[in-house]
Amino acid sequence: MEGTKKTGVETGKAFIDGLYQTVVGAGEKSLQALEELSGIAFGGHEQARRLINQIDGKVSAGELVLPKADKLDQS
């Protein structure tokens, strides 16, 4: 049972990291990944919260430019 719990936690961390990588890749799915990551962070997930803060810092510093939301509607 303990192994299953640990595997689930590791899978969750990998999922969160994948969302972060999608956001910082600034591709066409970045805003969708940011929305999902934000929702997870809002739910109290510490790793997601930390990564949202990193994204915010990158955007504020001009290191990361995300596509505009209206581009999502066109796809």
N, C-alpha and C. Protein backbone atom coordinates (compact mmCIF):
# COMPACT_ATOMS: atom_id res chain seq x y z
N MET A 1 0.82 -1.19 0.00
CA MET A 1 0.00 0.00 0.00
C MET A 1 0.87 1.26 0.00
N GLU A 2 1.94 1.26 0.79
CA GLU A 2 2.84 2.41 0.86
C GLU A 2 3.47 2.69 -0.50
N GLY A 3 3.84 1.64 -1.23
CA GLY A 3 4.43 1.82 -2.56
C GLY A 3 3.46 2.47 -3.52
N THR A 4 2.20 2.12 -3.44
CA THR A 4 1.19 2.72 -4.30
C THR A 4 1.03 4.21 -3.99
N LYS A 5 1.03 4.57 -2.73
CA LYS A 5 0.90 5.97 -2.34
C LYS A 5 2.09 6.78 -2.85
N LYS A 6 3.29 6.23 -2.69
CA LYS A 6 4.49 6.92 -3.14
C LYS A 6 4.47 7.10 -4.66
N THR A 7 4.05 6.08 -5.38
CA THR A 7 3.97 6.16 -6.83
C THR A 7 2.96 7.22 -7.25
N GLY A 8 1.83 7.30 -6.55
CA GLY A 8 0.84 8.32 -6.85
C GLY A 8 1.35 9.73 -6.62
N VAL A 9 2.11 9.90 -5.56
CA VAL A 9 2.70 11.21 -5.26
C VAL A 9 3.71 11.58 -6.34
N GLU A 10 4.53 10.63 -6.72
CA GLU A 10 5.53 10.88 -7.77
C GLU A 10 4.86 11.20 -9.10
N THR A 11 3.78 10.51 -9.40
CA THR A 11 3.03 10.77 -10.63
C THR A 11 2.44 12.17 -10.59
N GLY A 12 1.90 12.57 -9.44
CA GLY A 12 1.35 13.92 -9.29
C GLY A 12 2.40 14.99 -9.48
N LYS A 13 3.58 14.77 -8.90
CA LYS A 13 4.67 15.73 -9.06
C LYS A 13 5.10 15.83 -10.52
N ALA A 14 5.16 14.69 -11.19
CA ALA A 14 5.54 14.68 -12.60
C ALA A 14 4.50 15.42 -13.45
N PHE A 15 3.22 15.24 -13.12
CA PHE A 15 2.15 15.92 -13.84
C PHE A 15 2.27 17.43 -13.67
N ILE A 16 2.49 17.88 -12.44
CA ILE A 16 2.64 19.30 -12.15
C ILE A 16 3.86 19.86 -12.89
N ASP A 17 4.96 19.12 -12.86
CA ASP A 17 6.17 19.56 -13.57
C ASP A 17 5.91 19.65 -15.08
N GLY A 18 5.12 18.70 -15.61
CA GLY A 18 4.78 18.72 -17.03
C GLY A 18 3.96 19.96 -17.40
N LEU A 19 3.02 20.31 -16.53
CA LEU A 19 2.24 21.53 -16.77
C LEU A 19 3.15 22.75 -16.78
N TYR A 20 4.07 22.81 -15.81
CA TYR A 20 5.01 23.93 -15.73
C TYR A 20 5.84 24.03 -17.01
N GLN A 21 6.36 22.90 -17.47
CA GLN A 21 7.18 22.89 -18.68
C GLN A 21 6.37 23.36 -19.89
N THR A 22 5.10 22.99 -19.93
CA THR A 22 4.23 23.44 -21.02
C THR A 22 4.05 24.95 -20.98
N VAL A 23 3.86 25.49 -19.79
CA VAL A 23 3.68 26.94 -19.65
C VAL A 23 4.95 27.67 -20.07
N VAL A 24 6.08 27.29 -19.54
CA VAL A 24 7.32 28.03 -19.84
C VAL A 24 7.79 27.79 -21.28
N GLY A 25 7.27 26.76 -21.92
CA GLY A 25 7.57 26.54 -23.33
C GLY A 25 6.86 27.55 -24.21
N ALA A 26 5.85 28.23 -23.65
CA ALA A 26 5.10 29.31 -24.31
C ALA A 26 4.53 28.88 -25.66
N GLY A 27 4.16 27.63 -25.77
CA GLY A 27 3.54 27.15 -26.99
C GLY A 27 2.04 27.37 -26.97
N GLU A 28 1.36 26.75 -27.91
CA GLU A 28 -0.08 26.98 -28.06
C GLU A 28 -0.90 26.44 -26.90
N LYS A 29 -0.39 25.50 -26.15
CA LYS A 29 -1.12 24.93 -25.01
C LYS A 29 -0.72 25.57 -23.68
N SER A 30 0.13 26.59 -23.72
CA SER A 30 0.66 27.16 -22.47
C SER A 30 -0.41 27.79 -21.60
N LEU A 31 -1.36 28.48 -22.20
CA LEU A 31 -2.40 29.12 -21.38
C LEU A 31 -3.33 28.09 -20.75
N GLN A 32 -3.61 27.02 -21.48
CA GLN A 32 -4.44 25.95 -20.91
C GLN A 32 -3.72 25.29 -19.75
N ALA A 33 -2.42 25.06 -19.90
CA ALA A 33 -1.64 24.46 -18.82
C ALA A 33 -1.55 25.41 -17.64
N LEU A 34 -1.42 26.70 -17.90
CA LEU A 34 -1.36 27.69 -16.83
C LEU A 34 -2.68 27.73 -16.06
N GLU A 35 -3.78 27.65 -16.77
CA GLU A 35 -5.09 27.64 -16.12
C GLU A 35 -5.23 26.41 -15.22
N GLU A 36 -4.80 25.26 -15.71
CA GLU A 36 -4.89 24.04 -14.91
C GLU A 36 -3.95 24.10 -13.70
N LEU A 37 -2.73 24.56 -13.92
CA LEU A 37 -1.76 24.68 -12.84
C LEU A 37 -2.25 25.68 -11.80
N SER A 38 -2.85 26.77 -12.24
CA SER A 38 -3.39 27.77 -11.31
C SER A 38 -4.51 27.18 -10.46
N GLY A 39 -5.37 26.40 -11.08
CA GLY A 39 -6.45 25.75 -10.34
C GLY A 39 -5.92 24.81 -9.27
N ILE A 40 -4.89 24.08 -9.61
CA ILE A 40 -4.28 23.16 -8.64
C ILE A 40 -3.64 23.96 -7.50
N ALA A 41 -2.96 25.04 -7.85
CA ALA A 41 -2.33 25.88 -6.83
C ALA A 41 -3.38 26.51 -5.93
N PHE A 42 -4.49 26.94 -6.53
CA PHE A 42 -5.57 27.54 -5.75
C PHE A 42 -6.15 26.53 -4.76
N GLY A 43 -6.09 25.26 -5.13
CA GLY A 43 -6.57 24.20 -4.25
C GLY A 43 -5.64 23.90 -3.10
N GLY A 44 -4.50 24.58 -3.04
CA GLY A 44 -3.60 24.44 -1.91
C GLY A 44 -2.39 23.55 -2.16
N HIS A 45 -2.14 23.16 -3.39
CA HIS A 45 -1.00 22.30 -3.70
C HIS A 45 0.28 23.13 -3.67
N GLU A 46 1.17 22.82 -2.75
CA GLU A 46 2.37 23.63 -2.52
C GLU A 46 3.31 23.68 -3.73
N GLN A 47 3.55 22.56 -4.39
CA GLN A 47 4.43 22.52 -5.55
C GLN A 47 3.85 23.41 -6.66
N ALA A 48 2.56 23.29 -6.91
CA ALA A 48 1.92 24.11 -7.94
C ALA A 48 2.00 25.58 -7.59
N ARG A 49 1.79 25.91 -6.33
CA ARG A 49 1.87 27.29 -5.88
C ARG A 49 3.26 27.87 -6.11
N ARG A 50 4.27 27.09 -5.78
CA ARG A 50 5.66 27.53 -5.97
C ARG A 50 5.96 27.77 -7.46
N LEU A 51 5.48 26.88 -8.31
CA LEU A 51 5.73 27.03 -9.74
C LEU A 51 4.97 28.22 -10.33
N ILE A 52 3.77 28.48 -9.84
CA ILE A 52 3.03 29.66 -10.29
C ILE A 52 3.81 30.92 -9.92
N ASN A 53 4.40 30.94 -8.74
CA ASN A 53 5.22 32.09 -8.34
C ASN A 53 6.43 32.24 -9.24
N GLN A 54 7.03 31.13 -9.65
CA GLN A 54 8.17 31.19 -10.57
C GLN A 54 7.74 31.74 -11.93
N ILE A 55 6.59 31.28 -12.40
CA ILE A 55 6.07 31.78 -13.68
C ILE A 55 5.80 33.27 -13.59
N ASP A 56 5.18 33.69 -12.50
CA ASP A 56 4.90 35.11 -12.29
C ASP A 56 6.19 35.93 -12.32
N GLY A 57 7.22 35.42 -11.68
CA GLY A 57 8.50 36.12 -11.67
C GLY A 57 9.10 36.22 -13.07
N LYS A 58 8.99 35.15 -13.85
CA LYS A 58 9.52 35.16 -15.21
C LYS A 58 8.75 36.14 -16.10
N VAL A 59 7.44 36.19 -15.94
CA VAL A 59 6.61 37.11 -16.73
C VAL A 59 6.94 38.55 -16.32
N SER A 60 7.03 38.80 -15.03
CA SER A 60 7.33 40.15 -14.54
C SER A 60 8.70 40.64 -15.01
N ALA A 61 9.66 39.72 -15.09
CA ALA A 61 11.01 40.08 -15.51
C ALA A 61 11.15 40.15 -17.03
N GLY A 62 10.10 39.78 -17.75
CA GLY A 62 10.16 39.77 -19.21
C GLY A 62 10.85 38.56 -19.78
N GLU A 63 11.11 37.56 -18.95
CA GLU A 63 11.78 36.34 -19.40
C GLU A 63 10.81 35.38 -20.08
N LEU A 64 9.52 35.57 -19.84
CA LEU A 64 8.50 34.69 -20.39
C LEU A 64 7.36 35.54 -20.91
N VAL A 65 7.02 35.33 -22.17
CA VAL A 65 5.89 36.02 -22.78
C VAL A 65 4.90 34.95 -23.21
N LEU A 66 3.72 35.02 -22.63
CA LEU A 66 2.68 34.04 -22.94
C LEU A 66 1.80 34.55 -24.08
N PRO A 67 1.24 33.62 -24.86
CA PRO A 67 0.37 34.06 -25.95
C PRO A 67 -0.89 34.71 -25.40
N LYS A 68 -1.51 35.55 -26.18
CA LYS A 68 -2.73 36.21 -25.77
C LYS A 68 -3.87 35.22 -25.77
N ALA A 69 -4.82 35.40 -24.87
CA ALA A 69 -5.94 34.47 -24.72
C ALA A 69 -6.80 34.38 -25.97
N ASP A 70 -6.93 35.46 -26.75
CA ASP A 70 -7.78 35.42 -27.93
C ASP A 70 -7.25 34.47 -28.99
N LYS A 71 -5.96 34.15 -28.96
CA LYS A 71 -5.39 33.20 -29.91
C LYS A 71 -5.92 31.79 -29.64
N LEU A 72 -6.30 31.50 -28.40
CA LEU A 72 -6.85 30.19 -28.07
C LEU A 72 -8.21 29.99 -28.74
N ASP A 73 -8.98 31.05 -28.86
CA ASP A 73 -10.31 30.95 -29.45
C ASP A 73 -10.26 30.65 -30.93
N GLN A 74 -9.16 30.98 -31.57
CA GLN A 74 -9.04 30.77 -33.01
C GLN A 74 -8.66 29.36 -33.40
N SER A 75 -8.15 28.55 -32.43
CA SER A 75 -7.71 27.20 -32.77
C SER A 75 -8.82 26.22 -32.85
